Amino acid sequence: MCADVSGLGGFCTVVTVSRPTCRMGAEKTVAGEANLTVGCADGLITFSVSEGSGAVLAKRQEELGELYRTMTGHVRHEVAHFLFLRLSQNPQFLNDFRALFGDEQTDYAAALDTHYNSPKPAGPHHITSYATAHPHEDWAETIAHLLHLVDLIDSAAAAQLSLPEGPAPGYDAYADPDTETVVSMAVDVSLAVKHANRARDLPEVYPFVLPDRVRAKHAVCPTHHAADRIDQPPSLQKKRRGRGKKEGGGTGGGRTAGRSRCGGMHAS
């Protein structure tokens, strides 16, 4: 699957399209006439069709030491990289980004080499180990997890699941700019589902800890995304369409065809 962001050179300064388009790619083509990089390379986001296999995902999750891994999560991780390209046109976004995530101009390839050779634990400032590799990966991992949680609580509200402090009838998590409220409700739902899963010896629905620093990072996205939507021409301000049956969440890409040049593939 590829997001064809034509005209972009990695993490560049000019965005010419409003949203990515997607297609599937097979790993067997990586050594073909065209070099195929799984991840983001020169604005082209590539996903391996083999990640649709549960066995392949489980193998890569084990190899990379991830808490869980899904194709949906990988898509969200790469969409977060694209979102950075959109939002970074606003100087104020970059100021807010650097205050929380660090300087995205730090050498990306060198940072990934350091991470692969000596990975760090997530600690109190990051959502996953891979998020510690570079500010771009911290952003992609953090926003991918925010998307997990937004969709989790949105699904719970649509299914009319109820908790004492859960979503009210008609609640739209995608329209709520208060990330702390969204995340807190999603965590409550995940804990409730965890207990149900344990009764059947199944994995936790969201096996992550959300430190205060990570929650603060979540808030950067909706603030600037709302401004970005306002600044779009009317033709691009489309209403959100209804969604069909939900799929499970989970971040995760993998080193299936080498390291990505921009926009990493390893999300937990």
Protein backbone atom coordinates (compact mmCIF):
# COMPACT_ATOMS: atom_id res chain seq x y z
CA MET A 1 0.00 0.00 0.00
CA CYS A 2 1.47 3.37 -0.94
CA ALA A 3 0.54 6.95 -0.26
CA ASP A 4 1.61 8.79 -3.40
CA VAL A 5 2.63 12.22 -2.14
CA SER A 6 3.98 13.40 -5.48
CA GLY A 7 6.60 16.08 -5.49
CA LEU A 8 7.66 15.67 -1.88
CA GLY A 9 11.26 14.99 -0.99
CA GLY A 10 11.20 13.11 2.28
CA PHE A 11 10.27 15.49 5.09
CA CYS A 12 10.26 18.57 2.90
CA THR A 13 8.75 22.03 3.04
CA VAL A 14 6.08 22.08 0.33
CA VAL A 15 2.93 19.98 0.36
CA THR A 16 1.09 19.77 -2.96
CA VAL A 17 -1.73 17.35 -2.07
CA SER A 18 -4.36 17.40 0.66
CA ARG A 19 -4.39 13.70 1.50
CA PRO A 20 -2.59 10.49 0.56
CA THR A 21 -3.82 7.86 -1.86
CA CYS A 22 -3.05 4.17 -1.31
CA ARG A 23 -2.10 1.01 -3.17
CA MET A 24 -0.64 -2.36 -2.20
CA GLY A 25 2.90 -3.59 -2.86
CA ALA A 26 4.40 -7.07 -2.57
CA GLU A 27 7.74 -7.73 -0.89
CA LYS A 28 8.89 -9.86 -3.83
CA THR A 29 9.27 -6.65 -5.84
CA VAL A 30 11.87 -5.13 -3.51
CA ALA A 31 14.73 -6.51 -5.62
CA GLY A 32 13.06 -5.78 -8.95
CA GLU A 33 13.70 -3.04 -11.48
CA ALA A 34 12.50 -0.35 -9.06
CA ASN A 35 13.86 -0.14 -5.52
CA LEU A 36 10.98 -0.54 -3.07
CA THR A 37 11.42 0.64 0.52
CA VAL A 38 8.89 -0.39 3.11
CA GLY A 39 8.08 2.80 4.98
CA CYS A 40 8.40 6.33 3.65
CA ALA A 41 10.92 7.21 0.94
CA ASP A 42 10.83 10.51 -0.96
CA GLY A 43 7.19 11.04 -0.11
CA LEU A 44 6.06 7.57 -1.17
CA ILE A 45 4.61 5.54 1.71
CA THR A 46 4.86 1.82 1.08
CA PHE A 47 3.26 -1.06 2.96
CA SER A 48 3.93 -4.74 2.38
CA VAL A 49 0.99 -6.91 1.44
CA SER A 50 2.54 -9.70 3.53
CA GLU A 51 1.58 -7.79 6.68
CA GLY A 52 -1.96 -8.97 6.05
CA SER A 53 -0.78 -12.36 7.32
CA GLY A 54 -1.25 -12.95 11.04
CA ALA A 55 1.74 -15.31 11.08
CA VAL A 56 4.01 -12.70 9.50
CA LEU A 57 2.84 -10.02 11.93
CA ALA A 58 3.42 -12.30 14.91
CA LYS A 59 6.93 -13.16 13.71
CA ARG A 60 7.90 -9.52 13.24
CA GLN A 61 6.35 -8.52 16.53
CA GLU A 62 8.53 -11.12 18.25
CA GLU A 63 11.65 -10.05 16.35
CA LEU A 64 11.16 -6.36 17.17
CA GLY A 65 10.00 -6.86 20.75
CA GLU A 66 6.71 -5.03 20.21
CA LEU A 67 3.75 -5.23 22.58
CA TYR A 68 1.43 -5.73 19.63
CA ARG A 69 1.36 -5.16 15.90
CA THR A 70 -1.30 -4.74 13.18
CA MET A 71 -1.52 -3.47 9.63
CA THR A 72 -4.00 -0.83 10.80
CA GLY A 73 -1.43 0.46 13.25
CA HIS A 74 1.23 0.66 10.56
CA VAL A 75 -1.13 2.68 8.37
CA ARG A 76 -1.82 5.08 11.23
CA HIS A 77 1.91 5.49 11.87
CA GLU A 78 2.59 6.44 8.25
CA VAL A 79 -0.47 8.70 8.05
CA ALA A 80 0.98 10.54 11.05
CA HIS A 81 4.15 11.21 9.03
CA PHE A 82 2.02 12.63 6.23
CA LEU A 83 0.13 14.76 8.74
CA PHE A 84 3.43 16.21 9.91
CA LEU A 85 4.15 17.30 6.32
CA ARG A 86 0.83 19.10 6.21
CA LEU A 87 1.05 20.77 9.59
CA SER A 88 4.71 21.74 9.32
CA GLN A 89 3.80 24.45 6.79
CA ASN A 90 2.72 26.47 9.83
CA PRO A 91 5.73 27.93 11.71
CA GLN A 92 3.79 27.90 14.99
CA PHE A 93 3.25 24.16 14.66
CA LEU A 94 6.99 23.64 14.28
CA ASN A 95 7.63 25.75 17.38
CA ASP A 96 5.15 23.69 19.42
CA PHE A 97 6.46 20.45 17.91
CA ARG A 98 10.08 21.17 18.79
CA ALA A 99 9.18 22.16 22.35
CA LEU A 100 7.73 18.69 22.98
CA PHE A 101 9.28 16.31 20.46
CA GLY A 102 12.70 17.86 19.79
CA ASP A 103 14.44 19.13 16.66
CA GLU A 104 13.23 17.19 13.63
CA GLN A 105 16.27 18.41 11.69
CA THR A 106 18.52 16.05 13.66
CA ASP A 107 20.25 13.56 11.35
CA TYR A 108 17.58 10.93 10.75
CA ALA A 109 19.75 8.11 9.34
CA ALA A 110 22.29 8.45 12.14
CA ALA A 111 19.52 8.46 14.75
CA LEU A 112 18.05 5.24 13.36
CA ASP A 113 21.47 3.59 13.31
CA THR A 114 21.88 4.46 16.96
CA HIS A 115 18.44 3.10 17.77
CA TYR A 116 18.95 -0.19 15.95
CA ASN A 117 22.35 -0.71 17.56
CA SER A 118 21.27 0.24 21.06
CA PRO A 119 17.49 0.66 21.47
CA LYS A 120 16.26 2.57 24.51
CA PRO A 121 13.18 1.79 26.62
CA ALA A 122 10.19 4.07 26.22
CA GLY A 123 10.67 5.59 29.68
CA PRO A 124 8.49 8.44 31.00
CA HIS A 125 8.65 10.60 27.86
CA HIS A 126 7.77 8.25 24.99
CA ILE A 127 4.99 5.82 24.10
CA THR A 128 7.30 3.14 22.62
CA SER A 129 10.98 2.34 22.32
CA TYR A 130 10.93 3.27 18.64
CA ALA A 131 9.59 6.71 19.55
CA THR A 132 12.94 7.43 21.24
CA ALA A 133 14.81 7.03 17.94
CA HIS A 134 14.09 10.47 16.44
CA PRO A 135 11.55 13.32 16.81
CA HIS A 136 9.85 12.23 13.58
CA GLU A 137 9.31 8.74 14.96
CA ASP A 138 8.20 10.10 18.32
CA TRP A 139 5.53 12.10 16.50
CA ALA A 140 4.43 9.19 14.30
CA GLU A 141 4.22 6.76 17.22
CA THR A 142 2.45 9.25 19.48
CA ILE A 143 -0.15 10.28 16.91
CA ALA A 144 -0.71 6.68 15.79
CA HIS A 145 -1.57 5.83 19.39
CA LEU A 146 -3.86 8.84 19.63
CA LEU A 147 -5.67 7.54 16.54
CA HIS A 148 -5.93 4.11 18.19
CA LEU A 149 -7.58 5.62 21.26
CA VAL A 150 -9.87 7.99 19.37
CA ASP A 151 -11.18 5.12 17.26
CA LEU A 152 -11.47 2.88 20.31
CA ILE A 153 -13.72 5.27 22.20
CA ASP A 154 -15.60 6.21 19.03
CA SER A 155 -16.31 2.50 18.46
CA ALA A 156 -17.42 2.09 22.07
CA ALA A 157 -19.81 5.03 21.72
CA ALA A 158 -21.19 3.69 18.42
CA ALA A 159 -21.78 0.30 20.03
CA GLN A 160 -23.44 2.06 23.01
CA LEU A 161 -21.05 0.51 25.53
CA SER A 162 -21.54 2.22 28.85
CA LEU A 163 -19.25 3.06 31.75
CA PRO A 164 -19.93 5.43 34.68
CA GLU A 165 -17.75 8.14 33.12
CA GLY A 166 -17.95 6.91 29.53
CA PRO A 167 -19.14 8.68 26.38
CA ALA A 168 -22.64 10.10 26.29
CA PRO A 169 -25.12 8.99 23.59
CA GLY A 170 -24.16 10.53 20.25
CA TYR A 171 -20.60 11.29 21.36
CA ASP A 172 -18.20 11.84 18.44
CA ALA A 173 -14.60 11.27 19.53
CA TYR A 174 -13.28 12.61 16.22
CA ALA A 175 -14.93 15.97 16.84
CA ASP A 176 -13.73 16.32 20.44
CA PRO A 177 -10.65 18.60 20.62
CA ASP A 178 -9.99 17.70 24.27
CA THR A 179 -7.47 14.87 23.89
CA GLU A 180 -7.22 14.36 27.66
CA THR A 181 -10.94 13.54 27.85
CA VAL A 182 -10.79 11.30 24.79
CA VAL A 183 -7.72 9.42 26.00
CA SER A 184 -9.01 9.01 29.55
CA MET A 185 -12.31 7.53 28.37
CA ALA A 186 -10.51 5.24 25.90
CA VAL A 187 -8.20 3.97 28.64
CA ASP A 188 -11.21 3.25 30.88
CA VAL A 189 -12.82 1.24 28.08
CA SER A 190 -9.57 -0.62 27.38
CA LEU A 191 -9.28 -1.61 31.04
CA ALA A 192 -12.83 -2.91 31.07
CA VAL A 193 -12.24 -4.94 27.90
CA LYS A 194 -8.95 -6.19 29.35
CA HIS A 195 -10.80 -7.86 32.21
CA ALA A 196 -13.20 -9.50 29.75
CA ASN A 197 -10.26 -10.69 27.65
CA ARG A 198 -8.48 -12.13 30.66
CA ALA A 199 -11.51 -14.27 31.35
CA ARG A 200 -10.78 -15.95 27.99
CA ASP A 201 -6.97 -15.78 28.19
CA LEU A 202 -6.78 -13.22 25.37
CA PRO A 203 -4.33 -10.30 25.01
CA GLU A 204 -4.97 -6.84 26.37
CA VAL A 205 -6.70 -4.50 23.96
CA TYR A 206 -4.25 -1.65 24.71
CA PRO A 207 -1.15 -2.80 26.64
CA PHE A 208 0.55 0.58 26.99
CA VAL A 209 1.20 3.11 29.73
CA LEU A 210 0.46 6.76 28.91
CA PRO A 211 2.79 9.06 30.89
CA ASP A 212 1.85 12.72 31.35
CA ARG A 213 4.48 13.77 28.82
CA VAL A 214 2.91 11.58 26.13
CA ARG A 215 -0.55 12.94 26.93
CA ALA A 216 0.80 16.48 26.51
CA LYS A 217 2.16 15.53 23.08
CA HIS A 218 -1.28 14.25 22.05
CA ALA A 219 -2.75 17.73 22.43
CA VAL A 220 -0.49 19.28 19.76
CA CYS A 221 -2.20 17.46 16.90
CA PRO A 222 -5.90 18.47 17.16
CA THR A 223 -5.02 22.09 17.91
CA HIS A 224 -3.06 22.54 14.71
CA HIS A 225 -5.16 20.14 12.65
CA ALA A 226 -8.23 22.30 13.31
CA ALA A 227 -6.33 25.38 12.13
CA ASP A 228 -5.10 23.48 9.07
CA ARG A 229 -8.69 22.57 8.11
CA ILE A 230 -9.79 26.19 8.47
CA ASP A 231 -6.96 27.34 6.20
CA GLN A 232 -7.93 24.91 3.41
CA PRO A 233 -9.85 26.13 0.36
CA PRO A 234 -13.57 25.20 0.43
CA SER A 235 -13.06 22.38 -2.08
CA LEU A 236 -10.83 20.56 0.42
CA GLN A 237 -13.03 21.06 3.46
CA LYS A 238 -14.94 17.80 3.08
CA LYS A 239 -17.21 16.38 5.73
CA ARG A 240 -16.08 13.21 7.45
CA ARG A 241 -17.81 10.25 5.87
CA GLY A 242 -19.41 7.49 7.89
CA ARG A 243 -17.28 4.43 8.51
CA GLY A 244 -18.19 0.79 8.11
CA LYS A 245 -17.29 -2.09 10.43
CA LYS A 246 -14.32 -1.34 12.66
CA GLU A 247 -10.99 -3.12 12.51
CA GLY A 248 -8.64 -3.71 15.40
CA GLY A 249 -5.91 -1.18 16.13
CA GLY A 250 -2.25 -1.45 16.84
CA THR A 251 0.81 0.32 15.59
CA GLY A 252 3.53 -1.48 13.80
CA GLY A 253 5.62 -1.75 10.73
CA GLY A 254 8.73 -3.82 10.31
CA ARG A 255 12.14 -4.04 8.77
CA THR A 256 10.89 -6.14 5.88
CA ALA A 257 12.81 -4.40 3.13
CA GLY A 258 15.48 -2.47 4.96
CA ARG A 259 15.17 0.72 6.95
CA SER A 260 12.89 3.47 5.85
CA ARG A 261 14.51 6.68 4.68
CA CYS A 262 11.96 9.00 6.24
CA GLY A 263 9.12 7.94 8.42
CA GLY A 264 9.97 4.77 10.24
CA MET A 265 8.16 1.52 10.14
CA HIS A 266 8.60 0.29 13.68
CA ALA A 267 5.65 1.12 15.83
CA SER A 268 4.59 -0.96 18.76
